[in-house]
Amino acid sequence: MPRPTPFDLFLAPLAADNFPRIRASLAAKGADPADRDAFLMDPEVITLLRELRGDDGLGDAMDQMVALLHQAYLAWDAGLILVPIPDQTVGALLAPEPPPEDDAEAPRAYYAQLPERRVWASVVEGEAPEPLDGCFVSGTTGDQVRVLGIFGLRPDRAGFSAAEVGGPRPSGLARLDGTPLFAPTLAGGSAAGLHSIAGEAELLELGWRTRPVAAQAASGAA
């Protein structure tokens, strides 16, 4: 059975009640859903964010909530395309040298799901590293993408950590300490076959590397 995604676990009821209204509202104005500024100015989105914020507000978590809502909407609007990364191929995906480029066009938005507890990152400063469940990737038809990593997702936790980064594909990316990209930073990580994301640029690079996999998955499902 496929592993539940953050959309399945937390967002499906919200989407069923609100996303069709947001789609109709954006379409009525001719707004591009991928334009975050236009998305956030939509009355239906404003109302939903007020409900999610509640009376106590979200403080520093508001940016993460905005990113999650927008990325989840784009994934829903694109058909909720799930791109599983098999355990046997994650090593090649995260090798120091990137996999070969693919000319096939990736879906405009999707969720790439990594094998459980294989990729780790320190998301919140001062707290323990968390495993990456996967990432929402959007804006894949141009030279800019947004990547929202979802960390620490597990059934016994009423939430997860999230980190978003966006931009063109990093050029000349290298770690300051000289270790290879995506090399494990956890003790014993190499022996356990683990990988780590060290910084925003590596998360962005990971998002870019999932595009050929997503393109293949989309063409196979067509």
N, C-alpha and C. Protein backbone atom coordinates (compact mmCIF):
# COMPACT_ATOMS: atom_id res chain seq x y z
N MET A 1 0.84 -1.19 0.00
CA MET A 1 0.00 0.00 0.00
C MET A 1 0.88 1.25 0.00
N PRO A 2 0.50 2.28 -0.79
CA PRO A 2 1.27 3.52 -0.78
C PRO A 2 1.28 4.16 0.61
N ARG A 3 2.40 4.76 0.96
CA ARG A 3 2.51 5.45 2.23
C ARG A 3 1.69 6.73 2.19
N PRO A 4 0.91 7.05 3.24
CA PRO A 4 0.13 8.29 3.22
C PRO A 4 1.03 9.51 3.08
N THR A 5 0.59 10.48 2.34
CA THR A 5 1.30 11.75 2.17
C THR A 5 0.78 12.76 3.19
N PRO A 6 1.46 13.89 3.36
CA PRO A 6 0.91 14.93 4.24
C PRO A 6 -0.44 15.42 3.76
N PHE A 7 -0.67 15.39 2.46
CA PHE A 7 -1.99 15.77 1.94
C PHE A 7 -3.04 14.80 2.46
N ASP A 8 -2.76 13.50 2.39
CA ASP A 8 -3.70 12.49 2.87
C ASP A 8 -3.99 12.66 4.35
N LEU A 9 -2.94 12.90 5.14
CA LEU A 9 -3.06 12.89 6.59
C LEU A 9 -3.66 14.17 7.16
N PHE A 10 -3.39 15.31 6.53
CA PHE A 10 -3.76 16.58 7.15
C PHE A 10 -4.60 17.51 6.28
N LEU A 11 -4.50 17.37 4.96
CA LEU A 11 -5.05 18.42 4.10
C LEU A 11 -6.28 18.01 3.30
N ALA A 12 -6.56 16.72 3.20
CA ALA A 12 -7.66 16.28 2.34
C ALA A 12 -9.01 16.90 2.72
N PRO A 13 -9.42 16.89 4.00
CA PRO A 13 -10.72 17.50 4.33
C PRO A 13 -10.76 19.00 4.01
N LEU A 14 -9.67 19.69 4.32
CA LEU A 14 -9.59 21.12 4.03
C LEU A 14 -9.71 21.37 2.53
N ALA A 15 -9.04 20.54 1.74
CA ALA A 15 -9.07 20.70 0.29
C ALA A 15 -10.46 20.46 -0.26
N ALA A 16 -11.12 19.42 0.22
CA ALA A 16 -12.45 19.08 -0.30
C ALA A 16 -13.43 20.21 -0.07
N ASP A 17 -13.31 20.89 1.05
CA ASP A 17 -14.25 21.96 1.39
C ASP A 17 -13.90 23.30 0.75
N ASN A 18 -12.61 23.55 0.50
CA ASN A 18 -12.19 24.90 0.13
C ASN A 18 -11.56 25.03 -1.25
N PHE A 19 -10.82 24.03 -1.71
CA PHE A 19 -10.06 24.20 -2.94
C PHE A 19 -10.93 24.41 -4.18
N PRO A 20 -12.08 23.74 -4.32
CA PRO A 20 -12.92 24.05 -5.50
C PRO A 20 -13.36 25.51 -5.53
N ARG A 21 -13.66 26.10 -4.37
CA ARG A 21 -14.06 27.51 -4.34
C ARG A 21 -12.88 28.41 -4.71
N ILE A 22 -11.69 28.05 -4.23
CA ILE A 22 -10.51 28.84 -4.59
C ILE A 22 -10.26 28.76 -6.08
N ARG A 23 -10.39 27.56 -6.66
CA ARG A 23 -10.18 27.41 -8.10
C ARG A 23 -11.16 28.28 -8.89
N ALA A 24 -12.42 28.26 -8.50
CA ALA A 24 -13.43 29.05 -9.21
C ALA A 24 -13.16 30.54 -9.07
N SER A 25 -12.73 30.96 -7.88
CA SER A 25 -12.46 32.38 -7.64
C SER A 25 -11.26 32.85 -8.45
N LEU A 26 -10.20 32.06 -8.48
CA LEU A 26 -9.02 32.43 -9.26
C LEU A 26 -9.35 32.47 -10.75
N ALA A 27 -10.11 31.49 -11.21
CA ALA A 27 -10.47 31.44 -12.63
C ALA A 27 -11.32 32.63 -13.03
N ALA A 28 -12.21 33.06 -12.14
CA ALA A 28 -13.09 34.20 -12.45
C ALA A 28 -12.29 35.47 -12.68
N LYS A 29 -11.15 35.59 -12.01
CA LYS A 29 -10.30 36.78 -12.16
C LYS A 29 -9.21 36.58 -13.20
N GLY A 30 -9.11 35.37 -13.75
CA GLY A 30 -8.03 35.08 -14.69
C GLY A 30 -6.67 35.07 -14.04
N ALA A 31 -6.61 34.75 -12.75
CA ALA A 31 -5.35 34.77 -12.02
C ALA A 31 -4.59 33.47 -12.23
N ASP A 32 -3.28 33.55 -12.26
CA ASP A 32 -2.42 32.39 -12.39
C ASP A 32 -2.26 31.76 -11.00
N PRO A 33 -2.72 30.53 -10.79
CA PRO A 33 -2.60 29.92 -9.46
C PRO A 33 -1.17 29.83 -8.96
N ALA A 34 -0.20 29.73 -9.87
CA ALA A 34 1.19 29.61 -9.45
C ALA A 34 1.78 30.92 -8.94
N ASP A 35 1.11 32.04 -9.21
CA ASP A 35 1.55 33.35 -8.73
C ASP A 35 1.14 33.47 -7.26
N ARG A 36 2.10 33.35 -6.36
CA ARG A 36 1.75 33.34 -4.94
C ARG A 36 1.11 34.64 -4.49
N ASP A 37 1.56 35.76 -4.99
CA ASP A 37 0.96 37.04 -4.60
C ASP A 37 -0.51 37.08 -5.01
N ALA A 38 -0.80 36.66 -6.24
CA ALA A 38 -2.19 36.64 -6.70
C ALA A 38 -3.00 35.64 -5.90
N PHE A 39 -2.40 34.51 -5.58
CA PHE A 39 -3.08 33.49 -4.78
C PHE A 39 -3.47 34.04 -3.42
N LEU A 40 -2.54 34.73 -2.76
CA LEU A 40 -2.79 35.22 -1.41
C LEU A 40 -3.75 36.40 -1.38
N MET A 41 -3.96 37.06 -2.51
CA MET A 41 -4.91 38.17 -2.57
C MET A 41 -6.33 37.71 -2.88
N ASP A 42 -6.50 36.43 -3.18
CA ASP A 42 -7.83 35.94 -3.50
C ASP A 42 -8.69 35.92 -2.23
N PRO A 43 -9.93 36.40 -2.29
CA PRO A 43 -10.79 36.45 -1.09
C PRO A 43 -11.01 35.09 -0.45
N GLU A 44 -11.13 34.04 -1.25
CA GLU A 44 -11.34 32.71 -0.67
C GLU A 44 -10.11 32.25 0.10
N VAL A 45 -8.94 32.57 -0.40
CA VAL A 45 -7.70 32.21 0.29
C VAL A 45 -7.56 33.02 1.57
N ILE A 46 -7.87 34.29 1.49
CA ILE A 46 -7.78 35.16 2.68
C ILE A 46 -8.68 34.62 3.78
N THR A 47 -9.90 34.25 3.43
CA THR A 47 -10.84 33.72 4.42
C THR A 47 -10.31 32.43 5.04
N LEU A 48 -9.79 31.55 4.21
CA LEU A 48 -9.27 30.27 4.71
C LEU A 48 -8.08 30.49 5.64
N LEU A 49 -7.18 31.37 5.26
CA LEU A 49 -6.01 31.63 6.11
C LEU A 49 -6.42 32.22 7.46
N ARG A 50 -7.44 33.07 7.46
CA ARG A 50 -7.93 33.61 8.74
C ARG A 50 -8.46 32.50 9.63
N GLU A 51 -9.16 31.54 9.04
CA GLU A 51 -9.69 30.42 9.82
C GLU A 51 -8.56 29.56 10.36
N LEU A 52 -7.55 29.32 9.54
CA LEU A 52 -6.43 28.48 9.96
C LEU A 52 -5.58 29.18 11.03
N ARG A 53 -5.49 30.49 10.91
CA ARG A 53 -4.66 31.25 11.86
C ARG A 53 -5.29 31.23 13.24
N GLY A 54 -6.62 31.34 13.32
CA GLY A 54 -7.31 31.36 14.60
C GLY A 54 -7.07 32.63 15.38
N ASP A 55 -7.59 32.67 16.59
CA ASP A 55 -7.48 33.88 17.41
C ASP A 55 -6.07 34.10 17.93
N ASP A 56 -5.33 33.03 18.15
CA ASP A 56 -4.00 33.16 18.75
C ASP A 56 -2.91 33.41 17.71
N GLY A 57 -3.25 33.27 16.43
CA GLY A 57 -2.26 33.47 15.38
C GLY A 57 -1.27 32.31 15.32
N LEU A 58 -0.37 32.40 14.36
CA LEU A 58 0.62 31.34 14.16
C LEU A 58 2.05 31.81 14.36
N GLY A 59 2.24 33.12 14.57
CA GLY A 59 3.58 33.63 14.80
C GLY A 59 4.51 33.34 13.63
N ASP A 60 5.69 32.83 13.97
CA ASP A 60 6.68 32.55 12.94
C ASP A 60 6.26 31.42 12.00
N ALA A 61 5.27 30.64 12.41
CA ALA A 61 4.82 29.51 11.57
C ALA A 61 3.90 29.95 10.45
N MET A 62 3.54 31.24 10.40
CA MET A 62 2.61 31.70 9.37
C MET A 62 3.20 31.52 7.98
N ASP A 63 4.48 31.80 7.81
CA ASP A 63 5.10 31.64 6.49
C ASP A 63 5.03 30.19 6.03
N GLN A 64 5.26 29.25 6.96
CA GLN A 64 5.18 27.85 6.60
C GLN A 64 3.75 27.45 6.24
N MET A 65 2.77 28.02 6.96
CA MET A 65 1.38 27.72 6.65
C MET A 65 1.01 28.23 5.26
N VAL A 66 1.46 29.43 4.93
CA VAL A 66 1.18 29.99 3.60
C VAL A 66 1.81 29.11 2.52
N ALA A 67 3.07 28.72 2.73
CA ALA A 67 3.75 27.88 1.75
C ALA A 67 3.04 26.54 1.59
N LEU A 68 2.65 25.94 2.70
CA LEU A 68 1.98 24.65 2.65
C LEU A 68 0.65 24.76 1.93
N LEU A 69 -0.13 25.78 2.25
CA LEU A 69 -1.44 25.93 1.61
C LEU A 69 -1.28 26.12 0.11
N HIS A 70 -0.35 26.97 -0.30
CA HIS A 70 -0.18 27.23 -1.73
C HIS A 70 0.34 25.98 -2.45
N GLN A 71 1.35 25.34 -1.90
CA GLN A 71 1.90 24.15 -2.54
C GLN A 71 0.87 23.02 -2.60
N ALA A 72 0.11 22.86 -1.53
CA ALA A 72 -0.92 21.83 -1.52
C ALA A 72 -1.99 22.13 -2.56
N TYR A 73 -2.37 23.41 -2.68
CA TYR A 73 -3.37 23.76 -3.69
C TYR A 73 -2.85 23.45 -5.10
N LEU A 74 -1.62 23.84 -5.38
CA LEU A 74 -1.07 23.60 -6.71
C LEU A 74 -1.01 22.10 -7.01
N ALA A 75 -0.62 21.30 -6.01
CA ALA A 75 -0.59 19.85 -6.21
C ALA A 75 -2.00 19.31 -6.49
N TRP A 76 -2.96 19.80 -5.74
CA TRP A 76 -4.37 19.38 -5.95
C TRP A 76 -4.85 19.81 -7.33
N ASP A 77 -4.55 21.05 -7.71
CA ASP A 77 -5.00 21.57 -9.00
C ASP A 77 -4.38 20.81 -10.16
N ALA A 78 -3.18 20.25 -9.95
CA ALA A 78 -2.49 19.49 -11.00
C ALA A 78 -2.90 18.02 -11.02
N GLY A 79 -3.76 17.61 -10.08
CA GLY A 79 -4.24 16.24 -10.08
C GLY A 79 -3.63 15.35 -9.02
N LEU A 80 -2.97 15.94 -8.01
CA LEU A 80 -2.38 15.18 -6.91
C LEU A 80 -1.47 14.06 -7.44
N ILE A 81 -0.46 14.46 -8.17
CA ILE A 81 0.49 13.50 -8.73
C ILE A 81 1.52 13.12 -7.66
N LEU A 82 1.55 11.83 -7.34
CA LEU A 82 2.52 11.32 -6.38
C LEU A 82 3.68 10.69 -7.15
N VAL A 83 4.89 11.12 -6.79
CA VAL A 83 6.10 10.61 -7.45
C VAL A 83 6.91 9.87 -6.39
N PRO A 84 6.72 8.56 -6.26
CA PRO A 84 7.52 7.82 -5.28
C PRO A 84 8.94 7.59 -5.78
N ILE A 85 9.91 7.80 -4.90
CA ILE A 85 11.31 7.53 -5.21
C ILE A 85 11.64 6.18 -4.58
N PRO A 86 11.82 5.12 -5.36
CA PRO A 86 12.08 3.79 -4.78
C PRO A 86 13.37 3.77 -3.97
N ASP A 87 13.38 2.91 -2.99
CA ASP A 87 14.55 2.79 -2.12
C ASP A 87 15.80 2.44 -2.91
N GLN A 88 15.65 1.62 -3.93
CA GLN A 88 16.81 1.16 -4.68
C GLN A 88 17.37 2.22 -5.62
N THR A 89 16.65 3.32 -5.83
CA THR A 89 17.15 4.37 -6.73
C THR A 89 17.53 5.66 -6.01
N VAL A 90 17.26 5.73 -4.70
CA VAL A 90 17.54 6.99 -4.01
C VAL A 90 19.04 7.28 -3.99
N GLY A 91 19.87 6.23 -3.93
CA GLY A 91 21.31 6.44 -3.94
C GLY A 91 21.78 7.12 -5.21
N ALA A 92 21.25 6.71 -6.36
CA ALA A 92 21.62 7.33 -7.62
C ALA A 92 21.09 8.75 -7.71
N LEU A 93 19.88 8.97 -7.19
CA LEU A 93 19.28 10.31 -7.22
C LEU A 93 20.12 11.30 -6.43
N LEU A 94 20.69 10.84 -5.31
CA LEU A 94 21.43 11.72 -4.40
C LEU A 94 22.94 11.53 -4.50
N ALA A 95 23.41 10.98 -5.58
CA ALA A 95 24.84 10.85 -5.79
C ALA A 95 25.48 12.24 -5.91
N PRO A 96 26.79 12.35 -5.60
CA PRO A 96 27.44 13.66 -5.72
C PRO A 96 27.25 14.29 -7.10
N GLU A 97 27.34 13.47 -8.15
CA GLU A 97 27.09 13.96 -9.50
C GLU A 97 25.62 13.72 -9.84
N PRO A 98 24.92 14.73 -10.32
CA PRO A 98 23.48 14.57 -10.58
C PRO A 98 23.21 13.57 -11.68
N PRO A 99 22.02 12.95 -11.65
CA PRO A 99 21.64 12.05 -12.75
C PRO A 99 21.56 12.81 -14.06
N PRO A 100 21.61 12.11 -15.19
CA PRO A 100 21.52 12.78 -16.49
C PRO A 100 20.23 13.59 -16.62
N GLU A 101 20.31 14.68 -17.35
CA GLU A 101 19.12 15.49 -17.61
C GLU A 101 18.16 14.74 -18.50
N ASP A 102 16.91 15.12 -18.43
CA ASP A 102 15.86 14.51 -19.24
C ASP A 102 15.07 15.63 -19.89
N ASP A 103 14.82 15.50 -21.21
CA ASP A 103 14.10 16.55 -21.92
C ASP A 103 12.60 16.51 -21.68
N ALA A 104 12.11 15.44 -21.10
CA ALA A 104 10.67 15.35 -20.86
C ALA A 104 10.23 16.41 -19.86
N GLU A 105 9.02 16.91 -20.04
CA GLU A 105 8.52 17.98 -19.19
C GLU A 105 7.85 17.41 -17.96
N ALA A 106 8.26 17.90 -16.80
CA ALA A 106 7.68 17.43 -15.55
C ALA A 106 6.30 18.05 -15.35
N PRO A 107 5.44 17.40 -14.56
CA PRO A 107 4.16 18.02 -14.21
C PRO A 107 4.39 19.37 -13.54
N ARG A 108 3.39 20.23 -13.64
CA ARG A 108 3.56 21.59 -13.09
C ARG A 108 3.62 21.59 -11.57
N ALA A 109 3.12 20.55 -10.93
CA ALA A 109 3.19 20.43 -9.47
C ALA A 109 3.01 18.97 -9.11
N TYR A 110 3.73 18.52 -8.07
CA TYR A 110 3.62 17.13 -7.63
C TYR A 110 4.22 16.99 -6.25
N TYR A 111 4.05 15.79 -5.67
CA TYR A 111 4.69 15.47 -4.40
C TYR A 111 5.64 14.30 -4.62
N ALA A 112 6.93 14.52 -4.39
CA ALA A 112 7.93 13.48 -4.51
C ALA A 112 8.17 12.88 -3.13
N GLN A 113 7.93 11.59 -2.99
CA GLN A 113 8.02 10.92 -1.69
C GLN A 113 9.28 10.07 -1.63
N LEU A 114 10.14 10.36 -0.66
CA LEU A 114 11.41 9.65 -0.49
C LEU A 114 11.20 8.40 0.37
N PRO A 115 12.10 7.43 0.29
CA PRO A 115 12.00 6.28 1.19
C PRO A 115 12.07 6.72 2.65
N GLU A 116 11.37 5.99 3.50
CA GLU A 116 11.29 6.37 4.91
C GLU A 116 12.67 6.37 5.58
N ARG A 117 12.95 7.47 6.28
CA ARG A 117 14.11 7.58 7.16
C ARG A 117 15.44 7.35 6.46
N ARG A 118 15.50 7.70 5.18
CA ARG A 118 16.75 7.59 4.43
C ARG A 118 17.46 8.93 4.27
N VAL A 119 16.69 10.02 4.31
CA VAL A 119 17.26 11.35 4.11
C VAL A 119 16.90 12.22 5.32
N TRP A 120 17.91 12.88 5.89
CA TRP A 120 17.72 13.61 7.14
C TRP A 120 18.20 15.06 6.99
N ALA A 121 17.66 15.92 7.85
CA ALA A 121 18.10 17.32 7.86
C ALA A 121 17.79 17.94 9.21
N SER A 122 18.58 18.93 9.57
CA SER A 122 18.31 19.73 10.77
C SER A 122 17.44 20.90 10.33
N VAL A 123 16.15 20.79 10.60
CA VAL A 123 15.18 21.78 10.11
C VAL A 123 15.04 22.94 11.08
N VAL A 124 14.94 22.63 12.37
CA VAL A 124 14.76 23.65 13.40
C VAL A 124 16.06 23.76 14.18
N GLU A 125 16.62 24.96 14.22
CA GLU A 125 17.91 25.16 14.89
C GLU A 125 17.83 24.74 16.35
N GLY A 126 18.81 23.97 16.76
CA GLY A 126 18.87 23.53 18.15
C GLY A 126 18.09 22.27 18.44
N GLU A 127 17.37 21.75 17.46
CA GLU A 127 16.61 20.52 17.66
C GLU A 127 17.20 19.38 16.85
N ALA A 128 16.81 18.17 17.19
CA ALA A 128 17.38 16.98 16.55
C ALA A 128 17.02 16.93 15.07
N PRO A 129 17.89 16.34 14.24
CA PRO A 129 17.56 16.17 12.83
C PRO A 129 16.28 15.35 12.66
N GLU A 130 15.60 15.60 11.53
CA GLU A 130 14.35 14.91 11.24
C GLU A 130 14.43 14.26 9.86
N PRO A 131 13.72 13.15 9.68
CA PRO A 131 13.73 12.50 8.36
C PRO A 131 12.83 13.23 7.38
N LEU A 132 13.25 13.25 6.14
CA LEU A 132 12.47 13.86 5.07
C LEU A 132 11.46 12.84 4.54
N ASP A 133 10.18 13.17 4.64
CA ASP A 133 9.16 12.31 4.02
C ASP A 133 9.14 12.51 2.51
N GLY A 134 9.18 13.77 2.10
CA GLY A 134 9.13 14.09 0.68
C GLY A 134 9.07 15.59 0.49
N CYS A 135 8.77 16.01 -0.72
CA CYS A 135 8.70 17.45 -0.97
C CYS A 135 7.68 17.75 -2.06
N PHE A 136 6.93 18.83 -1.83
CA PHE A 136 6.08 19.40 -2.86
C PHE A 136 6.99 20.19 -3.80
N VAL A 137 6.83 19.99 -5.08
CA VAL A 137 7.61 20.70 -6.09
C VAL A 137 6.64 21.36 -7.06
N SER A 138 6.82 22.64 -7.31
CA SER A 138 5.92 23.35 -8.22
C SER A 138 6.70 24.34 -9.07
N GLY A 139 6.05 24.83 -10.13
CA GLY A 139 6.69 25.77 -11.03
C GLY A 139 7.69 25.10 -11.94
N THR A 140 7.44 23.86 -12.33
CA THR A 140 8.45 23.08 -13.02
C THR A 140 8.49 23.32 -14.53
N THR A 141 7.67 24.23 -15.03
CA THR A 141 7.65 24.45 -16.48
C THR A 141 8.59 25.58 -16.90
N GLY A 142 9.25 26.23 -15.97
CA GLY A 142 10.17 27.32 -16.31
C GLY A 142 11.54 27.08 -15.71
N ASP A 143 12.26 28.17 -15.46
CA ASP A 143 13.61 28.03 -14.90
C ASP A 143 13.64 28.31 -13.41
N GLN A 144 12.47 28.34 -12.77
CA GLN A 144 12.37 28.53 -11.33
C GLN A 144 11.44 27.46 -10.77
N VAL A 145 11.82 26.90 -9.64
CA VAL A 145 10.93 25.97 -8.96
C VAL A 145 10.83 26.35 -7.49
N ARG A 146 9.74 25.93 -6.87
CA ARG A 146 9.59 26.02 -5.42
C ARG A 146 9.57 24.61 -4.87
N VAL A 147 10.31 24.41 -3.79
CA VAL A 147 10.41 23.10 -3.15
C VAL A 147 10.05 23.25 -1.68
N LEU A 148 9.04 22.51 -1.24
CA LEU A 148 8.63 22.54 0.17
C LEU A 148 8.91 21.17 0.76
N GLY A 149 9.96 21.06 1.56
CA GLY A 149 10.31 19.80 2.19
C GLY A 149 9.44 19.54 3.41
N ILE A 150 8.98 18.30 3.55
CA ILE A 150 8.14 17.89 4.66
C ILE A 150 8.95 16.90 5.51
N PHE A 151 9.21 17.28 6.76
CA PHE A 151 10.10 16.52 7.63
C PHE A 151 9.36 16.03 8.88
N GLY A 152 9.79 14.89 9.38
CA GLY A 152 9.27 14.41 10.66
C GLY A 152 7.82 13.98 10.61
N LEU A 153 7.35 13.53 9.46
CA LEU A 153 5.96 13.09 9.33
C LEU A 153 5.85 11.65 9.84
N ARG A 154 5.01 11.45 10.82
CA ARG A 154 4.79 10.10 11.35
C ARG A 154 3.40 10.03 11.99
N PRO A 155 2.83 8.82 12.07
CA PRO A 155 1.44 8.70 12.53
C PRO A 155 1.19 9.19 13.93
N ASP A 156 2.20 9.11 14.82
CA ASP A 156 1.97 9.49 16.22
C ASP A 156 2.25 10.97 16.48
N ARG A 157 2.48 11.73 15.43
CA ARG A 157 2.78 13.16 15.61
C ARG A 157 1.67 13.99 14.96
N ALA A 158 1.18 14.97 15.68
CA ALA A 158 0.07 15.78 15.17
C ALA A 158 0.59 16.95 14.33
N GLY A 159 1.45 16.66 13.39
CA GLY A 159 2.01 17.71 12.55
C GLY A 159 3.32 17.27 11.95
N PHE A 160 4.08 18.23 11.47
CA PHE A 160 5.37 17.95 10.86
C PHE A 160 6.12 19.27 10.74
N SER A 161 7.38 19.19 10.37
CA SER A 161 8.17 20.39 10.10
C SER A 161 8.23 20.61 8.59
N ALA A 162 8.34 21.87 8.19
CA ALA A 162 8.38 22.19 6.76
C ALA A 162 9.41 23.29 6.51
N ALA A 163 10.04 23.19 5.35
CA ALA A 163 11.01 24.21 4.94
C ALA A 163 10.87 24.41 3.44
N GLU A 164 10.78 25.67 3.01
CA GLU A 164 10.59 25.96 1.59
C GLU A 164 11.76 26.77 1.06
N VAL A 165 12.11 26.47 -0.18
CA VAL A 165 13.13 27.23 -0.89
C VAL A 165 12.72 27.28 -2.35
N GLY A 166 13.15 28.30 -3.05
CA GLY A 166 12.80 28.41 -4.46
C GLY A 166 13.89 29.12 -5.24
N GLY A 167 13.88 28.89 -6.56
CA GLY A 167 14.84 29.57 -7.41
C GLY A 167 15.29 28.72 -8.57
N PRO A 168 16.23 29.22 -9.35
CA PRO A 168 16.81 28.43 -10.44
C PRO A 168 17.67 27.31 -9.87
N ARG A 169 18.05 26.38 -10.73
CA ARG A 169 18.88 25.27 -10.26
C ARG A 169 20.23 25.79 -9.79
N PRO A 170 20.69 25.39 -8.62
CA PRO A 170 21.99 25.86 -8.12
C PRO A 170 23.12 25.47 -9.08
N SER A 171 24.05 26.37 -9.25
CA SER A 171 25.19 26.14 -10.12
C SER A 171 26.46 26.07 -9.27
N GLY A 172 27.30 25.07 -9.55
CA GLY A 172 28.55 24.94 -8.81
C GLY A 172 28.35 24.66 -7.35
N LEU A 173 27.30 23.94 -7.01
CA LEU A 173 26.97 23.68 -5.61
C LEU A 173 28.02 22.77 -4.97
N ALA A 174 28.50 23.15 -3.79
CA ALA A 174 29.49 22.36 -3.06
C ALA A 174 29.39 22.70 -1.58
N ARG A 175 29.68 21.74 -0.74
CA ARG A 175 29.68 21.97 0.70
C ARG A 175 30.99 22.64 1.13
N LEU A 176 30.88 23.49 2.12
CA LEU A 176 32.06 24.20 2.61
C LEU A 176 33.07 23.26 3.24
N ASP A 177 32.58 22.15 3.83
CA ASP A 177 33.52 21.24 4.50
C ASP A 177 34.14 20.23 3.53
N GLY A 178 33.78 20.31 2.25
CA GLY A 178 34.36 19.43 1.26
C GLY A 178 33.71 18.07 1.12
N THR A 179 32.74 17.75 1.97
CA THR A 179 32.06 16.46 1.84
C THR A 179 31.12 16.52 0.63
N PRO A 180 30.81 15.35 0.04
CA PRO A 180 29.94 15.35 -1.14
C PRO A 180 28.53 15.83 -0.82
N LEU A 181 27.85 16.34 -1.83
CA LEU A 181 26.45 16.71 -1.67
C LEU A 181 25.65 15.51 -1.20
N PHE A 182 24.74 15.76 -0.28
CA PHE A 182 23.82 14.76 0.26
C PHE A 182 24.51 13.66 1.06
N ALA A 183 25.81 13.83 1.35
CA ALA A 183 26.50 12.87 2.22
C ALA A 183 25.91 12.96 3.62
N PRO A 184 25.86 11.85 4.36
CA PRO A 184 25.24 11.89 5.69
C PRO A 184 26.05 12.72 6.67
N THR A 185 25.33 13.44 7.52
CA THR A 185 25.95 14.19 8.60
C THR A 185 25.68 13.55 9.95
N LEU A 186 24.84 12.52 9.97
CA LEU A 186 24.56 11.80 11.20
C LEU A 186 25.68 10.80 11.48
N ALA A 187 25.97 10.59 12.75
CA ALA A 187 26.98 9.59 13.13
C ALA A 187 26.52 8.21 12.66
N GLY A 188 27.41 7.49 11.99
CA GLY A 188 27.07 6.16 11.48
C GLY A 188 26.20 6.18 10.25
N GLY A 189 25.99 7.36 9.67
CA GLY A 189 25.09 7.48 8.53
C GLY A 189 25.56 6.75 7.29
N SER A 190 26.85 6.77 7.05
CA SER A 190 27.38 6.11 5.86
C SER A 190 27.14 4.61 5.91
N ALA A 191 27.41 4.01 7.06
CA ALA A 191 27.22 2.57 7.21
C ALA A 191 25.75 2.18 7.08
N ALA A 192 24.87 3.09 7.47
CA ALA A 192 23.44 2.80 7.42
C ALA A 192 22.82 3.16 6.08
N GLY A 193 23.62 3.69 5.16
CA GLY A 193 23.09 4.06 3.85
C GLY A 193 22.20 5.28 3.87
N LEU A 194 22.47 6.21 4.79
CA LEU A 194 21.66 7.41 4.92
C LEU A 194 22.24 8.56 4.09
N HIS A 195 21.41 9.58 3.91
CA HIS A 195 21.81 10.82 3.25
C HIS A 195 21.35 11.99 4.12
N SER A 196 21.94 13.15 3.90
CA SER A 196 21.55 14.36 4.62
C SER A 196 21.41 15.52 3.65
N ILE A 197 20.52 16.43 4.00
CA ILE A 197 20.39 17.71 3.30
C ILE A 197 21.03 18.77 4.17
N ALA A 198 22.08 19.39 3.68
CA ALA A 198 22.81 20.39 4.44
C ALA A 198 22.55 21.76 3.82
N GLY A 199 21.49 22.42 4.25
CA GLY A 199 21.22 23.77 3.78
C GLY A 199 20.15 23.84 2.70
N GLU A 200 19.68 25.06 2.47
CA GLU A 200 18.60 25.29 1.54
C GLU A 200 18.97 24.93 0.10
N ALA A 201 20.21 25.19 -0.28
CA ALA A 201 20.61 24.93 -1.67
C ALA A 201 20.51 23.45 -2.00
N GLU A 202 20.84 22.58 -1.05
CA GLU A 202 20.72 21.15 -1.31
C GLU A 202 19.26 20.73 -1.41
N LEU A 203 18.38 21.33 -0.61
CA LEU A 203 16.96 21.04 -0.75
C LEU A 203 16.45 21.47 -2.12
N LEU A 204 16.88 22.62 -2.58
CA LEU A 204 16.49 23.09 -3.91
C LEU A 204 17.02 22.15 -4.99
N GLU A 205 18.27 21.74 -4.86
CA GLU A 205 18.85 20.80 -5.83
C GLU A 205 18.09 19.47 -5.84
N LEU A 206 17.69 19.00 -4.67
CA LEU A 206 16.90 17.79 -4.61
C LEU A 206 15.60 17.94 -5.40
N GLY A 207 14.93 19.08 -5.21
CA GLY A 207 13.70 19.33 -5.97
C GLY A 207 13.94 19.27 -7.47
N TRP A 208 15.01 19.90 -7.92
CA TRP A 208 15.34 19.86 -9.35
C TRP A 208 15.62 18.44 -9.82
N ARG A 209 16.29 17.64 -8.98
CA ARG A 209 16.63 16.27 -9.38
C ARG A 209 15.40 15.37 -9.49
N THR A 210 14.32 15.73 -8.81
CA THR A 210 13.12 14.89 -8.91
C THR A 210 12.34 15.14 -10.20
N ARG A 211 12.67 16.19 -10.92
CA ARG A 211 11.88 16.52 -12.12
C ARG A 211 11.90 15.43 -13.19
N PRO A 212 13.06 14.86 -13.55
CA PRO A 212 13.02 13.79 -14.55
C PRO A 212 12.23 12.57 -14.07
N VAL A 213 12.32 12.26 -12.77
CA VAL A 213 11.54 11.14 -12.24
C VAL A 213 10.05 11.43 -12.36
N ALA A 214 9.67 12.68 -12.05
CA ALA A 214 8.27 13.07 -12.17
C ALA A 214 7.79 13.03 -13.60
N ALA A 215 8.66 13.45 -14.53
CA ALA A 215 8.29 13.42 -15.94
C ALA A 215 8.05 11.99 -16.42
N GLN A 216 8.92 11.07 -15.98
CA GLN A 216 8.75 9.67 -16.34
C GLN A 216 7.48 9.09 -15.74
N ALA A 217 7.21 9.45 -14.47
CA ALA A 217 5.99 8.95 -13.83
C ALA A 217 4.74 9.45 -14.53
N ALA A 218 4.76 10.73 -14.94
CA ALA A 218 3.61 11.31 -15.62
C ALA A 218 3.40 10.68 -16.99
N SER A 219 4.50 10.43 -17.72
CA SER A 219 4.36 9.83 -19.05
C SER A 219 3.90 8.38 -18.95
N GLY A 220 4.30 7.69 -17.88
CA GLY A 220 3.87 6.31 -17.70
C GLY A 220 2.41 6.20 -17.33
N ALA A 221 1.91 7.26 -16.63
CA ALA A 221 0.51 7.24 -16.21
C ALA A 221 -0.42 7.75 -17.28
N ALA A 222 0.14 8.39 -18.34
CA ALA A 222 -0.70 8.97 -19.38
C ALA A 222 -1.34 7.89 -20.25
